Amino acid sequence: MVGLEIVEGVHRIDGANANVYVLKNGEELIVVDAGMRRNAGKILSYVRKLGEKPSSISTILLTHCHIDHVGSANELRKATKAKVAIHVEDADFLAGKRVLPRPKGAVGSLFRVASLFFRFTTFQPDITLEEGDIIAGLKVVHTPRHTPGRFH
């Protein structure tokens, strides 16, 4: 697992098939997005490489509910006992109560085929977020369209 400290306390983890970040906030770690399925071990390996214990991860912050951002979230949550947070508009997608709308046309067809192979385990998030909320020292800025609940 390759990673890079972008600025002090902000690490980007490569190899999880998506952008995954680890933020060090004092004694706690925050994971921003969890990559594709079966990547929790890679994330935990990187955390250990930083000299930290997996139990130091307090929060898994999901920016939106696409497979490349939430695929390993449940596995990582189980391994760390961290709380999972996602925007309220995407919470029902993560919980499996609603299905994300797919794009139309050829791209939509590709999504339908890909969804047969790339799935994630649905689960109820611990924390739902809204515009302006502060979590782990970060302020939620809601930027819908990519998914209804996407935020930065």
C-alpha atoms as a PDB file:
ATOM      1  CA  MET A   1       0.000   0.000   0.000  1.00  0.00           C
ATOM      2  CA  VAL A   2       1.494   3.256  -1.129  1.00  0.00           C
ATOM      3  CA  GLY A   3       0.575   6.492   0.502  1.00  0.00           C
ATOM      4  CA  LEU A   4       1.624  10.078   0.485  1.00  0.00           C
ATOM      5  CA  GLU A   5       1.448  12.743   3.157  1.00  0.00           C
ATOM      6  CA  ILE A   6       0.002  15.674   1.195  1.00  0.00           C
ATOM      7  CA  VAL A   7       0.319  18.176   4.027  1.00  0.00           C
ATOM      8  CA  GLU A   8       1.029  17.504   7.669  1.00  0.00           C
ATOM      9  CA  GLY A   9      -1.594  15.101   8.998  1.00  0.00           C
ATOM     10  CA  VAL A  10      -3.297  14.468   5.620  1.00  0.00           C
ATOM     11  CA  HIS A  11      -2.414  11.220   3.855  1.00  0.00           C
ATOM     12  CA  ARG A  12      -3.674   9.955   0.504  1.00  0.00           C
ATOM     13  CA  ILE A  13      -3.721   6.171   0.220  1.00  0.00           C
ATOM     14  CA  ASP A  14      -3.179   4.703  -3.226  1.00  0.00           C
ATOM     15  CA  GLY A  15      -4.186   1.193  -4.212  1.00  0.00           C
ATOM     16  CA  ALA A  16      -7.755   1.170  -2.840  1.00  0.00           C
ATOM     17  CA  ASN A  17      -9.175   1.799  -6.327  1.00  0.00           C
ATOM     18  CA  ALA A  18     -10.383   5.264  -5.354  1.00  0.00           C
ATOM     19  CA  ASN A  19      -9.227   8.342  -3.498  1.00  0.00           C
ATOM     20  CA  VAL A  20      -8.948   7.389   0.166  1.00  0.00           C
ATOM     21  CA  TYR A  21      -7.545   9.777   2.749  1.00  0.00           C
ATOM     22  CA  VAL A  22      -6.457   9.419   6.361  1.00  0.00           C
ATOM     23  CA  LEU A  23      -6.538  12.567   8.467  1.00  0.00           C
ATOM     24  CA  LYS A  24      -4.648  12.682  11.729  1.00  0.00           C
ATOM     25  CA  ASN A  25      -6.442  14.921  14.207  1.00  0.00           C
ATOM     26  CA  GLY A  26      -4.534  14.743  17.493  1.00  0.00           C
ATOM     27  CA  GLU A  27      -4.864  11.174  18.765  1.00  0.00           C
ATOM     28  CA  GLU A  28      -7.701  10.212  16.415  1.00  0.00           C
ATOM     29  CA  LEU A  29      -7.706   9.239  12.766  1.00  0.00           C
ATOM     30  CA  ILE A  30     -10.456   9.996  10.276  1.00  0.00           C
ATOM     31  CA  VAL A  31     -10.741   7.982   7.076  1.00  0.00           C
ATOM     32  CA  VAL A  32     -12.316   9.918   4.205  1.00  0.00           C
ATOM     33  CA  ASP A  33     -13.913   7.428   1.798  1.00  0.00           C
ATOM     34  CA  ALA A  34     -13.210   3.708   1.928  1.00  0.00           C
ATOM     35  CA  GLY A  35     -12.437   2.661  -1.633  1.00  0.00           C
ATOM     36  CA  MET A  36     -13.746  -0.417  -3.402  1.00  0.00           C
ATOM     37  CA  ARG A  37     -14.662  -3.684  -1.678  1.00  0.00           C
ATOM     38  CA  ARG A  38     -11.887  -5.763  -0.157  1.00  0.00           C
ATOM     39  CA  ASN A  39      -9.629  -2.778   0.465  1.00  0.00           C
ATOM     40  CA  ALA A  40     -10.087  -2.399   4.223  1.00  0.00           C
ATOM     41  CA  GLY A  41      -6.946  -4.459   4.826  1.00  0.00           C
ATOM     42  CA  LYS A  42      -4.906  -2.113   2.643  1.00  0.00           C
ATOM     43  CA  ILE A  43      -6.216   0.902   4.540  1.00  0.00           C
ATOM     44  CA  LEU A  44      -5.481  -0.733   7.899  1.00  0.00           C
ATOM     45  CA  SER A  45      -2.000  -1.700   6.702  1.00  0.00           C
ATOM     46  CA  TYR A  46      -1.283   1.927   5.844  1.00  0.00           C
ATOM     47  CA  VAL A  47      -2.590   3.056   9.237  1.00  0.00           C
ATOM     48  CA  ARG A  48      -0.177   0.607  10.904  1.00  0.00           C
ATOM     49  CA  LYS A  49       2.631   1.914   8.671  1.00  0.00           C
ATOM     50  CA  LEU A  50       1.923   5.347  10.166  1.00  0.00           C
ATOM     51  CA  GLY A  51       2.583   3.794  13.589  1.00  0.00           C
ATOM     52  CA  GLU A  52      -1.095   3.901  14.548  1.00  0.00           C
ATOM     53  CA  LYS A  53      -3.516   1.221  15.696  1.00  0.00           C
ATOM     54  CA  PRO A  54      -6.659   0.533  13.643  1.00  0.00           C
ATOM     55  CA  SER A  55      -8.677   1.362  16.772  1.00  0.00           C
ATOM     56  CA  SER A  56      -7.370   4.950  16.436  1.00  0.00           C
ATOM     57  CA  ILE A  57      -9.795   5.398  13.522  1.00  0.00           C
ATOM     58  CA  SER A  58     -12.769   7.136  15.112  1.00  0.00           C
ATOM     59  CA  THR A  59     -14.718   8.167  12.017  1.00  0.00           C
ATOM     60  CA  ILE A  60     -15.184   6.932   8.467  1.00  0.00           C
ATOM     61  CA  LEU A  61     -16.434   9.921   6.521  1.00  0.00           C
ATOM     62  CA  LEU A  62     -18.111   8.999   3.214  1.00  0.00           C
ATOM     63  CA  THR A  63     -18.364  11.861   0.733  1.00  0.00           C
ATOM     64  CA  HIS A  64     -21.063  10.096  -1.295  1.00  0.00           C
ATOM     65  CA  CYS A  65     -22.573   6.679  -1.940  1.00  0.00           C
ATOM     66  CA  HIS A  66     -20.756   5.311  -4.981  1.00  0.00           C
ATOM     67  CA  ILE A  67     -19.072   1.901  -4.857  1.00  0.00           C
ATOM     68  CA  ASP A  68     -15.563   3.352  -5.179  1.00  0.00           C
ATOM     69  CA  HIS A  69     -16.158   5.454  -2.052  1.00  0.00           C
ATOM     70  CA  VAL A  70     -18.202   3.102   0.170  1.00  0.00           C
ATOM     71  CA  GLY A  71     -17.171  -0.381  -0.978  1.00  0.00           C
ATOM     72  CA  SER A  72     -14.967  -1.188   2.043  1.00  0.00           C
ATOM     73  CA  ALA A  73     -16.797   0.989   4.568  1.00  0.00           C
ATOM     74  CA  ASN A  74     -18.673  -1.779   6.373  1.00  0.00           C
ATOM     75  CA  GLU A  75     -15.606  -4.033   6.556  1.00  0.00           C
ATOM     76  CA  LEU A  76     -13.502  -1.127   7.855  1.00  0.00           C
ATOM     77  CA  ARG A  77     -16.204  -0.183  10.365  1.00  0.00           C
ATOM     78  CA  LYS A  78     -16.309  -3.729  11.736  1.00  0.00           C
ATOM     79  CA  ALA A  79     -12.518  -3.887  12.036  1.00  0.00           C
ATOM     80  CA  THR A  80     -12.188  -0.537  13.827  1.00  0.00           C
ATOM     81  CA  LYS A  81     -15.535   0.130  15.559  1.00  0.00           C
ATOM     82  CA  ALA A  82     -15.392   3.595  13.957  1.00  0.00           C
ATOM     83  CA  LYS A  83     -18.561   5.595  13.356  1.00  0.00           C
ATOM     84  CA  VAL A  84     -19.620   5.968   9.724  1.00  0.00           C
ATOM     85  CA  ALA A  85     -20.899   9.362   8.569  1.00  0.00           C
ATOM     86  CA  ILE A  86     -22.592  10.264   5.282  1.00  0.00           C
ATOM     87  CA  HIS A  87     -24.861  13.055   4.070  1.00  0.00           C
ATOM     88  CA  VAL A  88     -28.528  12.565   4.925  1.00  0.00           C
ATOM     89  CA  GLU A  89     -29.432  12.576   1.208  1.00  0.00           C
ATOM     90  CA  ASP A  90     -27.233   9.492   0.611  1.00  0.00           C
ATOM     91  CA  ALA A  91     -27.918   7.663   3.892  1.00  0.00           C
ATOM     92  CA  ASP A  92     -30.834   5.608   2.500  1.00  0.00           C
ATOM     93  CA  PHE A  93     -28.678   4.470  -0.435  1.00  0.00           C
ATOM     94  CA  LEU A  94     -25.968   3.278   1.982  1.00  0.00           C
ATOM     95  CA  ALA A  95     -28.619   1.523   4.091  1.00  0.00           C
ATOM     96  CA  GLY A  96     -30.123  -0.184   1.031  1.00  0.00           C
ATOM     97  CA  LYS A  97     -33.503   1.502   1.510  1.00  0.00           C
ATOM     98  CA  ARG A  98     -33.244   3.273  -1.863  1.00  0.00           C
ATOM     99  CA  VAL A  99     -31.380   2.578  -5.105  1.00  0.00           C
ATOM    100  CA  LEU A 100     -29.181   5.294  -6.569  1.00  0.00           C
ATOM    101  CA  PRO A 101     -30.533   6.556  -9.883  1.00  0.00           C
ATOM    102  CA  ARG A 102     -28.391   5.475 -12.816  1.00  0.00           C
ATOM    103  CA  PRO A 103     -27.374   7.683 -15.705  1.00  0.00           C
ATOM    104  CA  LYS A 104     -29.367   7.366 -18.906  1.00  0.00           C
ATOM    105  CA  GLY A 105     -28.147   6.106 -22.267  1.00  0.00           C
ATOM    106  CA  ALA A 106     -24.943   4.161 -22.893  1.00  0.00           C
ATOM    107  CA  VAL A 107     -23.386   5.174 -19.578  1.00  0.00           C
ATOM    108  CA  GLY A 108     -26.474   3.896 -17.763  1.00  0.00           C
ATOM    109  CA  SER A 109     -26.146   0.574 -19.590  1.00  0.00           C
ATOM    110  CA  LEU A 110     -22.537   0.299 -18.461  1.00  0.00           C
ATOM    111  CA  PHE A 111     -23.592   1.035 -14.870  1.00  0.00           C
ATOM    112  CA  ARG A 112     -26.231  -1.711 -15.031  1.00  0.00           C
ATOM    113  CA  VAL A 113     -23.699  -4.288 -16.220  1.00  0.00           C
ATOM    114  CA  ALA A 114     -21.031  -3.129 -13.754  1.00  0.00           C
ATOM    115  CA  SER A 115     -23.510  -3.306 -10.859  1.00  0.00           C
ATOM    116  CA  LEU A 116     -23.702  -7.069 -11.381  1.00  0.00           C
ATOM    117  CA  PHE A 117     -20.023  -7.323 -10.429  1.00  0.00           C
ATOM    118  CA  PHE A 118     -19.368  -4.327  -8.202  1.00  0.00           C
ATOM    119  CA  ARG A 119     -21.586  -4.187  -5.138  1.00  0.00           C
ATOM    120  CA  PHE A 120     -21.171  -3.108  -1.562  1.00  0.00           C
ATOM    121  CA  THR A 121     -22.654  -4.351   1.672  1.00  0.00           C
ATOM    122  CA  THR A 122     -25.453  -2.009   2.711  1.00  0.00           C
ATOM    123  CA  PHE A 123     -25.694  -0.887   6.326  1.00  0.00           C
ATOM    124  CA  GLN A 124     -27.185   1.882   8.427  1.00  0.00           C
ATOM    125  CA  PRO A 125     -24.762   4.806   8.918  1.00  0.00           C
ATOM    126  CA  ASP A 126     -24.083   5.982  12.458  1.00  0.00           C
ATOM    127  CA  ILE A 127     -24.129   9.690  11.637  1.00  0.00           C
ATOM    128  CA  THR A 128     -26.058  11.647   9.012  1.00  0.00           C
ATOM    129  CA  LEU A 129     -24.745  15.013   7.949  1.00  0.00           C
ATOM    130  CA  GLU A 130     -26.237  18.180   6.515  1.00  0.00           C
ATOM    131  CA  GLU A 131     -24.925  21.428   5.049  1.00  0.00           C
ATOM    132  CA  GLY A 132     -22.847  23.329   7.599  1.00  0.00           C
ATOM    133  CA  ASP A 133     -22.378  20.435  10.038  1.00  0.00           C
ATOM    134  CA  ILE A 134     -18.941  20.108  11.588  1.00  0.00           C
ATOM    135  CA  ILE A 135     -17.460  16.622  11.882  1.00  0.00           C
ATOM    136  CA  ALA A 136     -13.910  15.805  12.937  1.00  0.00           C
ATOM    137  CA  GLY A 137     -13.085  19.494  12.549  1.00  0.00           C
ATOM    138  CA  LEU A 138     -14.369  19.589   8.965  1.00  0.00           C
ATOM    139  CA  LYS A 139     -17.323  21.622   7.715  1.00  0.00           C
ATOM    140  CA  VAL A 140     -19.822  19.904   5.400  1.00  0.00           C
ATOM    141  CA  VAL A 141     -20.355  21.696   2.089  1.00  0.00           C
ATOM    142  CA  HIS A 142     -23.215  20.018   0.232  1.00  0.00           C
ATOM    143  CA  THR A 143     -22.500  19.653  -3.506  1.00  0.00           C
ATOM    144  CA  PRO A 144     -25.301  17.518  -4.978  1.00  0.00           C
ATOM    145  CA  ARG A 145     -25.624  16.261  -8.558  1.00  0.00           C
ATOM    146  CA  HIS A 146     -23.024  13.478  -8.689  1.00  0.00           C
ATOM    147  CA  THR A 147     -25.272  11.898  -6.031  1.00  0.00           C
ATOM    148  CA  PRO A 148     -28.014  13.697  -4.084  1.00  0.00           C
ATOM    149  CA  GLY A 149     -25.924  13.819  -0.925  1.00  0.00           C
ATOM    150  CA  ARG A 150     -22.427  14.449  -2.236  1.00  0.00           C
ATOM    151  CA  PHE A 151     -20.422  16.896  -0.175  1.00  0.00           C
ATOM    152  CA  HIS A 152     -16.900  18.262   0.176  1.00  0.00           C
END
